[in-house]
Amino acid sequence: MDLESIIEDYLRGNLNDAELQAFEQMRANDPSVDHKVVAHKAFLDSLKNYADELDLRNKMEALHSQIDVDGMSRKLGPHPSRIVNMWRKNRAAIGVAASFILLTLVMLYSIQQNTQQIGSVELVKRDLAILKNSNNNLIRKINSTTTVTKNLKPANFGGTGFALTTNGYILTNLHVVDGADSVYVQDTQGNQYKVKVDRRDTQYDLAILKIIDESFKLPALPYRLKQNGIGIGEDVYTLGFPKDDAVYAKGYVSSKTGYSGSDSTQYQVSIDVNPGNSGGPLLDQNGNIIGVITAKLNQVDGATFAVKSKYIQEILNMIPNDSLGGQVKFNKKNSLQGLTKTRQAEKMQDFIFMVKVYK
């Protein structure tokens, strides 16, 4: 209860400078506190919207109570001349009431549309099913245990992943693979590999996949995870699979916080993404991994969100070192630094994968 009270004082601007600084430091150090702040802000916004709606209803009811509908009906009757007389005597009151009701309907419609546009976050996984009913009851399960194949039937959903190690660990979004019967990844040469979901992190919407084929190997990773932050306005780019070929998209960091402006676990970037980009790497101009594409705002161009790279390191720390085989080697420098964007994208293509999900 004390924490909830402090959060409410924080959101209402009731903390002094020292308290404000201490609390913001606590938010930065404890992601669970940060998420409580985001949830409490959404709760307060909902309460305010509900209070505004009640106030509007009360005003409408008060206005309606001032109109003597029964009395007007008894005096007027069905004769057209009486209706004309009623209109002439009460045109001002009726006009005000009609205008107020019309204005109210327009306001409610506008609020509803803005809520749908601004408040709706779309997870950008790609629907690959050719035939599927609304409840997904007719999706055929894929039970093959083959590790490498080029003849799989069309998957139901898709996303993007990128290599964390040279021995087959791949990172993507949890919402891409959640609930899957089986998952495959496909490289840019068209080779497909069956994977298992090795680690799940619901807090940051991250999942680590492991290619089942123990002989799978990649060359040394050309990039590294950037642990420190990146500034607003810095150029970034991503590679993903909104279609069957890898697609390059560039933009810039527009905010250091994510959805609603208070989620410090994410960046907001001005970059156009489409279904299939979920799980794709977000890189700075030097080829450092700074985040993972996870979602975008509906009907808002260039409002995309990416989980920050330091939370990738947290989920990597969950994997035992003997499982990783010592293959995670993010050096201080990387082989992408100093290259043109074209050359960086070419080298990156060997380390990104289309994620195919079968349900």
Protein backbone atom coordinates (compact mmCIF):
# COMPACT_ATOMS: atom_id res chain seq x y z
CA MET A 1 0.00 0.00 0.00
CA ASP A 2 2.88 2.36 0.74
CA LEU A 3 4.32 1.74 -2.73
CA GLU A 4 0.93 2.34 -4.36
CA SER A 5 0.59 5.62 -2.45
CA ILE A 6 4.05 6.75 -3.51
CA ILE A 7 3.29 5.84 -7.14
CA GLU A 8 0.05 7.85 -7.02
CA ASP A 9 1.85 10.87 -5.50
CA TYR A 10 4.50 10.52 -8.20
CA LEU A 11 1.96 10.48 -11.02
CA ARG A 12 0.06 13.43 -9.52
CA GLY A 13 3.25 15.48 -9.09
CA ASN A 14 3.04 15.57 -5.28
CA LEU A 15 6.65 14.47 -4.58
CA ASN A 16 9.33 16.99 -3.70
CA ASP A 17 12.59 17.09 -5.67
CA ALA A 18 14.45 14.69 -3.40
CA GLU A 19 11.60 12.21 -3.30
CA LEU A 20 11.16 12.47 -7.07
CA GLN A 21 14.84 11.79 -7.72
CA ALA A 22 14.90 8.82 -5.34
CA PHE A 23 11.78 7.29 -6.85
CA GLU A 24 12.97 7.68 -10.45
CA GLN A 25 16.21 5.97 -9.43
CA MET A 26 14.18 3.12 -7.94
CA ARG A 27 12.21 2.84 -11.22
CA ALA A 28 15.42 2.64 -13.22
CA ASN A 29 16.87 -0.07 -10.94
CA ASP A 30 13.73 -2.19 -10.49
CA PRO A 31 11.74 -3.08 -13.66
CA SER A 32 8.86 -4.41 -11.54
CA VAL A 33 8.38 -0.97 -9.98
CA ASP A 34 8.49 0.62 -13.42
CA HIS A 35 5.78 -1.73 -14.65
CA LYS A 36 3.65 -0.91 -11.58
CA VAL A 37 3.93 2.79 -12.49
CA VAL A 38 2.80 2.07 -16.06
CA ALA A 39 -0.15 -0.02 -14.84
CA HIS A 40 -1.17 2.56 -12.22
CA LYS A 41 -1.08 5.38 -14.77
CA ALA A 42 -3.37 3.38 -17.05
CA PHE A 43 -5.69 2.76 -14.09
CA LEU A 44 -5.86 6.47 -13.21
CA ASP A 45 -6.52 7.38 -16.85
CA SER A 46 -9.39 4.89 -16.93
CA LEU A 47 -10.87 6.36 -13.75
CA LYS A 48 -10.69 9.86 -15.21
CA ASN A 49 -12.38 8.77 -18.44
CA TYR A 50 -15.13 7.06 -16.43
CA ALA A 51 -15.64 10.17 -14.29
CA ASP A 52 -15.90 12.35 -17.38
CA GLU A 53 -18.49 9.99 -18.86
CA LEU A 54 -20.57 10.07 -15.64
CA ASP A 55 -20.43 13.85 -15.55
CA LEU A 56 -21.62 14.03 -19.15
CA ARG A 57 -24.50 11.65 -18.43
CA ASN A 58 -25.58 13.69 -15.39
CA LYS A 59 -25.65 16.87 -17.46
CA MET A 60 -27.75 15.19 -20.15
CA GLU A 61 -30.20 13.82 -17.56
CA ALA A 62 -30.52 17.22 -15.88
CA LEU A 63 -31.29 18.85 -19.21
CA HIS A 64 -33.82 16.17 -20.07
CA SER A 65 -35.62 16.57 -16.73
CA GLN A 66 -36.31 20.25 -17.53
CA ILE A 67 -38.45 19.30 -20.56
CA ASP A 68 -42.08 18.50 -19.67
CA VAL A 69 -42.68 15.85 -22.31
CA ASP A 70 -46.04 14.66 -20.92
CA GLY A 71 -47.42 18.18 -20.60
CA MET A 72 -46.37 19.04 -24.11
CA SER A 73 -48.05 15.88 -25.45
CA ARG A 74 -51.38 16.66 -23.70
CA LYS A 75 -51.48 20.20 -25.04
CA LEU A 76 -50.46 19.38 -28.58
CA GLY A 77 -52.35 16.25 -29.57
CA PRO A 78 -52.11 14.98 -33.14
CA HIS A 79 -53.21 18.14 -34.96
CA PRO A 80 -50.41 19.57 -37.15
CA SER A 81 -51.21 23.14 -36.10
CA ARG A 82 -50.51 22.29 -32.47
CA ILE A 83 -47.15 20.84 -33.43
CA VAL A 84 -46.36 24.07 -35.25
CA ASN A 85 -47.42 26.11 -32.19
CA MET A 86 -45.29 23.94 -29.91
CA TRP A 87 -42.29 24.42 -32.18
CA ARG A 88 -42.83 28.19 -32.25
CA LYS A 89 -43.12 28.45 -28.46
CA ASN A 90 -40.28 26.06 -27.56
CA ARG A 91 -37.95 26.26 -30.52
CA ALA A 92 -35.16 27.78 -28.41
CA ALA A 93 -35.23 25.05 -25.75
CA ILE A 94 -35.57 22.26 -28.32
CA GLY A 95 -32.76 23.72 -30.42
CA VAL A 96 -30.43 23.91 -27.40
CA ALA A 97 -31.27 20.34 -26.38
CA ALA A 98 -30.77 19.00 -29.89
CA SER A 99 -27.47 20.84 -30.27
CA PHE A 100 -26.22 19.56 -26.93
CA ILE A 101 -27.16 15.96 -27.77
CA LEU A 102 -25.51 16.21 -31.20
CA LEU A 103 -22.35 17.69 -29.67
CA THR A 104 -22.30 14.93 -27.06
CA LEU A 105 -22.55 12.21 -29.70
CA VAL A 106 -19.72 13.77 -31.72
CA MET A 107 -17.52 14.00 -28.60
CA LEU A 108 -18.18 10.38 -27.61
CA TYR A 109 -17.40 9.19 -31.14
CA SER A 110 -14.18 11.23 -31.20
CA ILE A 111 -13.08 9.88 -27.82
CA GLN A 112 -13.76 6.33 -28.96
CA GLN A 113 -11.80 6.76 -32.19
CA ASN A 114 -8.83 8.39 -30.43
CA THR A 115 -8.79 5.63 -27.83
CA GLN A 116 -8.73 3.00 -30.53
CA GLN A 117 -5.98 4.77 -32.47
CA ILE A 118 -3.67 5.88 -29.67
CA GLY A 119 -4.26 3.15 -27.14
CA SER A 120 -4.01 0.09 -29.36
CA VAL A 121 -0.62 -1.54 -29.73
CA GLU A 122 -0.24 -4.07 -32.54
CA LEU A 123 2.19 -6.95 -32.13
CA VAL A 124 3.88 -7.27 -35.49
CA LYS A 125 3.95 -11.01 -36.03
CA ARG A 126 3.01 -12.19 -39.50
CA ASP A 127 -0.04 -14.31 -40.29
CA LEU A 128 1.10 -16.89 -42.84
CA ALA A 129 -1.94 -19.18 -42.89
CA ILE A 130 -3.54 -19.66 -46.30
CA LEU A 131 -6.92 -20.96 -45.02
CA LYS A 132 -7.98 -20.36 -41.41
CA ASN A 133 -11.32 -19.74 -39.72
CA SER A 134 -11.87 -17.01 -37.14
CA ASN A 135 -11.17 -19.31 -34.18
CA ASN A 136 -8.12 -21.03 -35.72
CA ASN A 137 -9.84 -24.40 -35.17
CA LEU A 138 -8.88 -25.75 -38.60
CA ILE A 139 -5.12 -25.19 -38.37
CA ARG A 140 -3.28 -28.44 -39.14
CA LYS A 141 -0.56 -29.41 -36.68
CA ILE A 142 2.92 -30.17 -37.98
CA ASN A 143 4.42 -33.14 -36.14
CA SER A 144 7.56 -33.73 -38.20
CA THR A 145 10.79 -34.16 -36.21
CA THR A 146 13.05 -33.51 -39.20
CA THR A 147 15.71 -30.96 -38.35
CA VAL A 148 16.41 -29.59 -41.83
CA THR A 149 13.85 -29.54 -44.63
CA LYS A 150 12.87 -27.43 -47.61
CA ASN A 151 9.41 -28.93 -48.14
CA LEU A 152 7.37 -27.84 -45.09
CA LYS A 153 3.77 -26.83 -45.61
CA PRO A 154 2.95 -23.12 -45.19
CA ALA A 155 3.29 -21.96 -41.58
CA ASN A 156 0.48 -20.25 -39.69
CA PHE A 157 2.44 -17.31 -38.24
CA GLY A 158 5.85 -15.78 -38.77
CA GLY A 159 8.32 -13.37 -37.29
CA THR A 160 12.02 -12.62 -37.23
CA GLY A 161 14.91 -13.82 -35.08
CA PHE A 162 18.64 -13.21 -34.93
CA ALA A 163 21.59 -15.21 -33.70
CA LEU A 164 22.81 -14.80 -30.13
CA THR A 165 25.51 -17.46 -30.41
CA THR A 166 27.36 -19.33 -33.14
CA ASN A 167 25.93 -22.71 -32.03
CA GLY A 168 22.24 -22.10 -32.71
CA TYR A 169 20.73 -19.87 -30.03
CA ILE A 170 18.32 -17.36 -31.63
CA LEU A 171 16.36 -14.49 -30.06
CA THR A 172 12.81 -13.50 -31.03
CA ASN A 173 9.63 -12.15 -29.37
CA LEU A 174 7.68 -14.45 -27.08
CA HIS A 175 4.38 -13.47 -28.74
CA VAL A 176 5.69 -14.86 -32.05
CA VAL A 177 6.12 -18.42 -30.73
CA ASP A 178 3.67 -18.46 -27.82
CA GLY A 179 1.27 -21.40 -28.07
CA ALA A 180 3.10 -23.02 -30.99
CA ASP A 181 2.94 -26.76 -31.66
CA SER A 182 6.26 -26.59 -33.50
CA VAL A 183 8.65 -23.87 -34.58
CA TYR A 184 11.15 -23.69 -37.45
CA VAL A 185 13.62 -21.04 -38.54
CA GLN A 186 14.71 -20.37 -42.10
CA ASP A 187 17.94 -18.67 -43.13
CA THR A 188 18.34 -16.38 -46.14
CA GLN A 189 19.50 -19.34 -48.28
CA GLY A 190 16.17 -21.11 -47.72
CA ASN A 191 17.44 -23.79 -45.31
CA GLN A 192 14.94 -24.58 -42.55
CA TYR A 193 15.79 -25.89 -39.08
CA LYS A 194 13.53 -27.14 -36.36
CA VAL A 195 14.00 -25.35 -33.02
CA LYS A 196 12.85 -25.69 -29.45
CA VAL A 197 11.80 -22.75 -27.29
CA ASP A 198 14.61 -22.81 -24.74
CA ARG A 199 13.77 -19.75 -22.59
CA ARG A 200 10.67 -17.56 -22.19
CA ASP A 201 10.49 -14.11 -20.60
CA THR A 202 6.94 -12.80 -20.31
CA GLN A 203 8.04 -9.57 -18.65
CA TYR A 204 10.00 -8.34 -21.68
CA ASP A 205 8.22 -10.44 -24.36
CA LEU A 206 11.42 -12.27 -25.31
CA ALA A 207 12.08 -15.90 -26.20
CA ILE A 208 15.32 -17.77 -26.90
CA LEU A 209 15.15 -20.55 -29.50
CA LYS A 210 17.70 -23.35 -29.91
CA ILE A 211 18.31 -25.11 -33.23
CA ILE A 212 18.00 -28.84 -32.52
CA ASP A 213 20.72 -29.87 -34.97
CA GLU A 214 23.88 -30.00 -32.80
CA SER A 215 26.10 -29.74 -35.88
CA PHE A 216 24.72 -26.29 -36.77
CA LYS A 217 27.43 -23.62 -36.70
CA LEU A 218 27.76 -19.98 -37.69
CA PRO A 219 30.87 -17.86 -38.15
CA ALA A 220 31.78 -15.30 -35.49
CA LEU A 221 29.00 -12.82 -34.77
CA PRO A 222 29.66 -9.50 -36.55
CA TYR A 223 27.76 -7.40 -33.98
CA ARG A 224 27.63 -6.84 -30.24
CA LEU A 225 25.02 -5.95 -27.64
CA LYS A 226 25.25 -2.27 -26.71
CA GLN A 227 24.82 -2.00 -22.95
CA ASN A 228 24.69 1.77 -22.60
CA GLY A 229 21.81 3.84 -23.94
CA ILE A 230 21.36 5.63 -27.24
CA GLY A 231 20.28 9.24 -27.71
CA ILE A 232 17.13 10.67 -29.23
CA GLY A 233 17.55 11.37 -32.94
CA GLU A 234 20.26 8.78 -33.53
CA ASP A 235 19.93 6.76 -36.73
CA VAL A 236 18.86 3.12 -36.43
CA TYR A 237 17.86 0.33 -38.79
CA THR A 238 16.36 -3.15 -38.71
CA LEU A 239 16.24 -6.29 -40.85
CA GLY A 240 13.16 -8.51 -40.77
CA PHE A 241 10.79 -10.74 -42.69
CA PRO A 242 7.50 -8.98 -43.45
CA LYS A 243 7.76 -11.04 -46.64
CA ASP A 244 9.79 -14.10 -47.66
CA ASP A 245 12.95 -12.07 -48.30
CA ALA A 246 14.81 -10.01 -45.71
CA VAL A 247 13.70 -6.36 -45.73
CA TYR A 248 15.82 -3.41 -44.60
CA ALA A 249 14.17 -0.41 -42.91
CA LYS A 250 15.80 2.64 -41.37
CA GLY A 251 14.69 5.42 -39.02
CA TYR A 252 15.72 7.15 -35.82
CA VAL A 253 15.11 6.99 -32.06
CA SER A 254 12.16 9.26 -31.25
CA SER A 255 11.90 8.55 -27.49
CA LYS A 256 13.90 6.78 -24.81
CA THR A 257 10.69 5.35 -23.34
CA GLY A 258 8.06 3.07 -24.80
CA TYR A 259 4.27 3.05 -24.97
CA SER A 260 2.52 5.80 -22.91
CA GLY A 261 5.89 7.49 -22.27
CA SER A 262 6.61 5.73 -18.98
CA ASP A 263 7.94 2.30 -20.00
CA SER A 264 11.70 2.57 -19.54
CA THR A 265 12.31 -0.98 -20.84
CA GLN A 266 11.67 0.09 -24.44
CA TYR A 267 12.64 2.65 -27.07
CA GLN A 268 10.16 4.31 -29.38
CA VAL A 269 11.61 4.56 -32.88
CA SER A 270 10.35 6.29 -35.97
CA ILE A 271 10.64 3.40 -38.37
CA ASP A 272 8.04 1.67 -40.55
CA VAL A 273 7.55 -2.00 -39.72
CA ASN A 274 4.96 -4.56 -40.80
CA PRO A 275 3.67 -7.92 -39.60
CA GLY A 276 6.67 -10.24 -39.65
CA ASN A 277 9.14 -7.72 -38.17
CA SER A 278 8.52 -8.90 -34.59
CA GLY A 279 11.77 -10.19 -33.08
CA GLY A 280 14.01 -8.40 -35.57
CA PRO A 281 17.22 -6.73 -34.37
CA LEU A 282 17.39 -2.94 -34.00
CA LEU A 283 20.91 -1.67 -34.73
CA ASP A 284 22.64 1.69 -34.50
CA GLN A 285 24.73 3.15 -37.31
CA ASN A 286 27.84 1.28 -36.06
CA GLY A 287 26.14 -2.11 -36.21
CA ASN A 288 25.56 -2.52 -32.47
CA ILE A 289 22.39 -4.32 -31.33
CA ILE A 290 20.42 -1.78 -29.28
CA GLY A 291 17.04 -3.52 -29.13
CA VAL A 292 14.45 -5.97 -30.45
CA ILE A 293 11.45 -4.86 -32.52
CA THR A 294 8.29 -5.92 -30.66
CA ALA A 295 5.21 -3.81 -31.52
CA LYS A 296 3.82 -0.67 -33.16
CA LEU A 297 0.89 1.67 -32.64
CA ASN A 298 -2.14 0.99 -34.81
CA GLN A 299 -2.88 3.63 -37.47
CA VAL A 300 0.19 5.67 -36.47
CA ASP A 301 3.04 5.74 -39.00
CA GLY A 302 6.53 5.24 -37.61
CA ALA A 303 5.53 4.65 -33.96
CA THR A 304 7.42 1.40 -33.30
CA PHE A 305 8.63 -0.03 -29.99
CA ALA A 306 11.77 -2.05 -29.27
CA VAL A 307 12.88 -3.80 -26.08
CA LYS A 308 16.27 -2.39 -25.00
CA SER A 309 19.37 -4.52 -25.44
CA LYS A 310 20.26 -4.66 -21.75
CA TYR A 311 17.21 -6.88 -21.21
CA ILE A 312 18.54 -9.24 -23.87
CA GLN A 313 21.61 -9.66 -21.68
CA GLU A 314 19.38 -10.43 -18.70
CA ILE A 315 17.68 -13.33 -20.47
CA LEU A 316 21.06 -14.54 -21.77
CA ASN A 317 22.26 -14.71 -18.18
CA MET A 318 19.47 -17.22 -17.49
CA ILE A 319 21.10 -19.82 -19.76
CA PRO A 320 23.74 -22.02 -18.08
CA ASN A 321 27.25 -21.40 -19.40
CA ASP A 322 27.72 -25.08 -20.23
CA SER A 323 24.67 -24.93 -22.51
CA LEU A 324 25.98 -21.88 -24.30
CA GLY A 325 29.28 -23.62 -24.83
CA GLY A 326 31.16 -20.37 -24.44
CA GLN A 327 29.86 -19.18 -27.79
CA VAL A 328 28.52 -15.77 -26.67
CA LYS A 329 31.30 -13.37 -27.59
CA PHE A 330 30.16 -9.78 -27.77
CA ASN A 331 33.40 -7.87 -28.06
CA LYS A 332 33.92 -4.15 -27.48
CA LYS A 333 34.22 -3.71 -31.24
CA ASN A 334 32.46 -5.46 -34.06
CA SER A 335 33.17 -6.14 -37.71
CA LEU A 336 30.22 -4.01 -38.86
CA GLN A 337 31.64 -0.78 -37.47
CA GLY A 338 32.88 1.57 -40.17
CA LEU A 339 31.08 -0.22 -43.00
CA THR A 340 28.40 1.33 -45.17
CA LYS A 341 24.80 0.43 -44.40
CA THR A 342 24.73 -1.70 -47.55
CA ARG A 343 27.72 -3.76 -46.42
CA GLN A 344 26.38 -4.01 -42.87
CA ALA A 345 23.05 -5.34 -44.16
CA GLU A 346 24.82 -7.86 -46.40
CA LYS A 347 26.88 -9.25 -43.51
CA MET A 348 23.86 -9.28 -41.17
CA GLN A 349 21.77 -11.48 -43.48
CA ASP A 350 23.66 -14.63 -42.48
CA PHE A 351 22.63 -14.07 -38.86
CA ILE A 352 18.92 -13.29 -39.16
CA PHE A 353 16.19 -15.89 -39.57
CA MET A 354 12.54 -16.08 -40.52
CA VAL A 355 10.64 -17.70 -37.64
CA LYS A 356 7.84 -20.02 -38.79
CA VAL A 357 5.20 -21.09 -36.30
CA TYR A 358 2.84 -24.05 -36.69
CA LYS A 359 -0.30 -24.33 -34.55
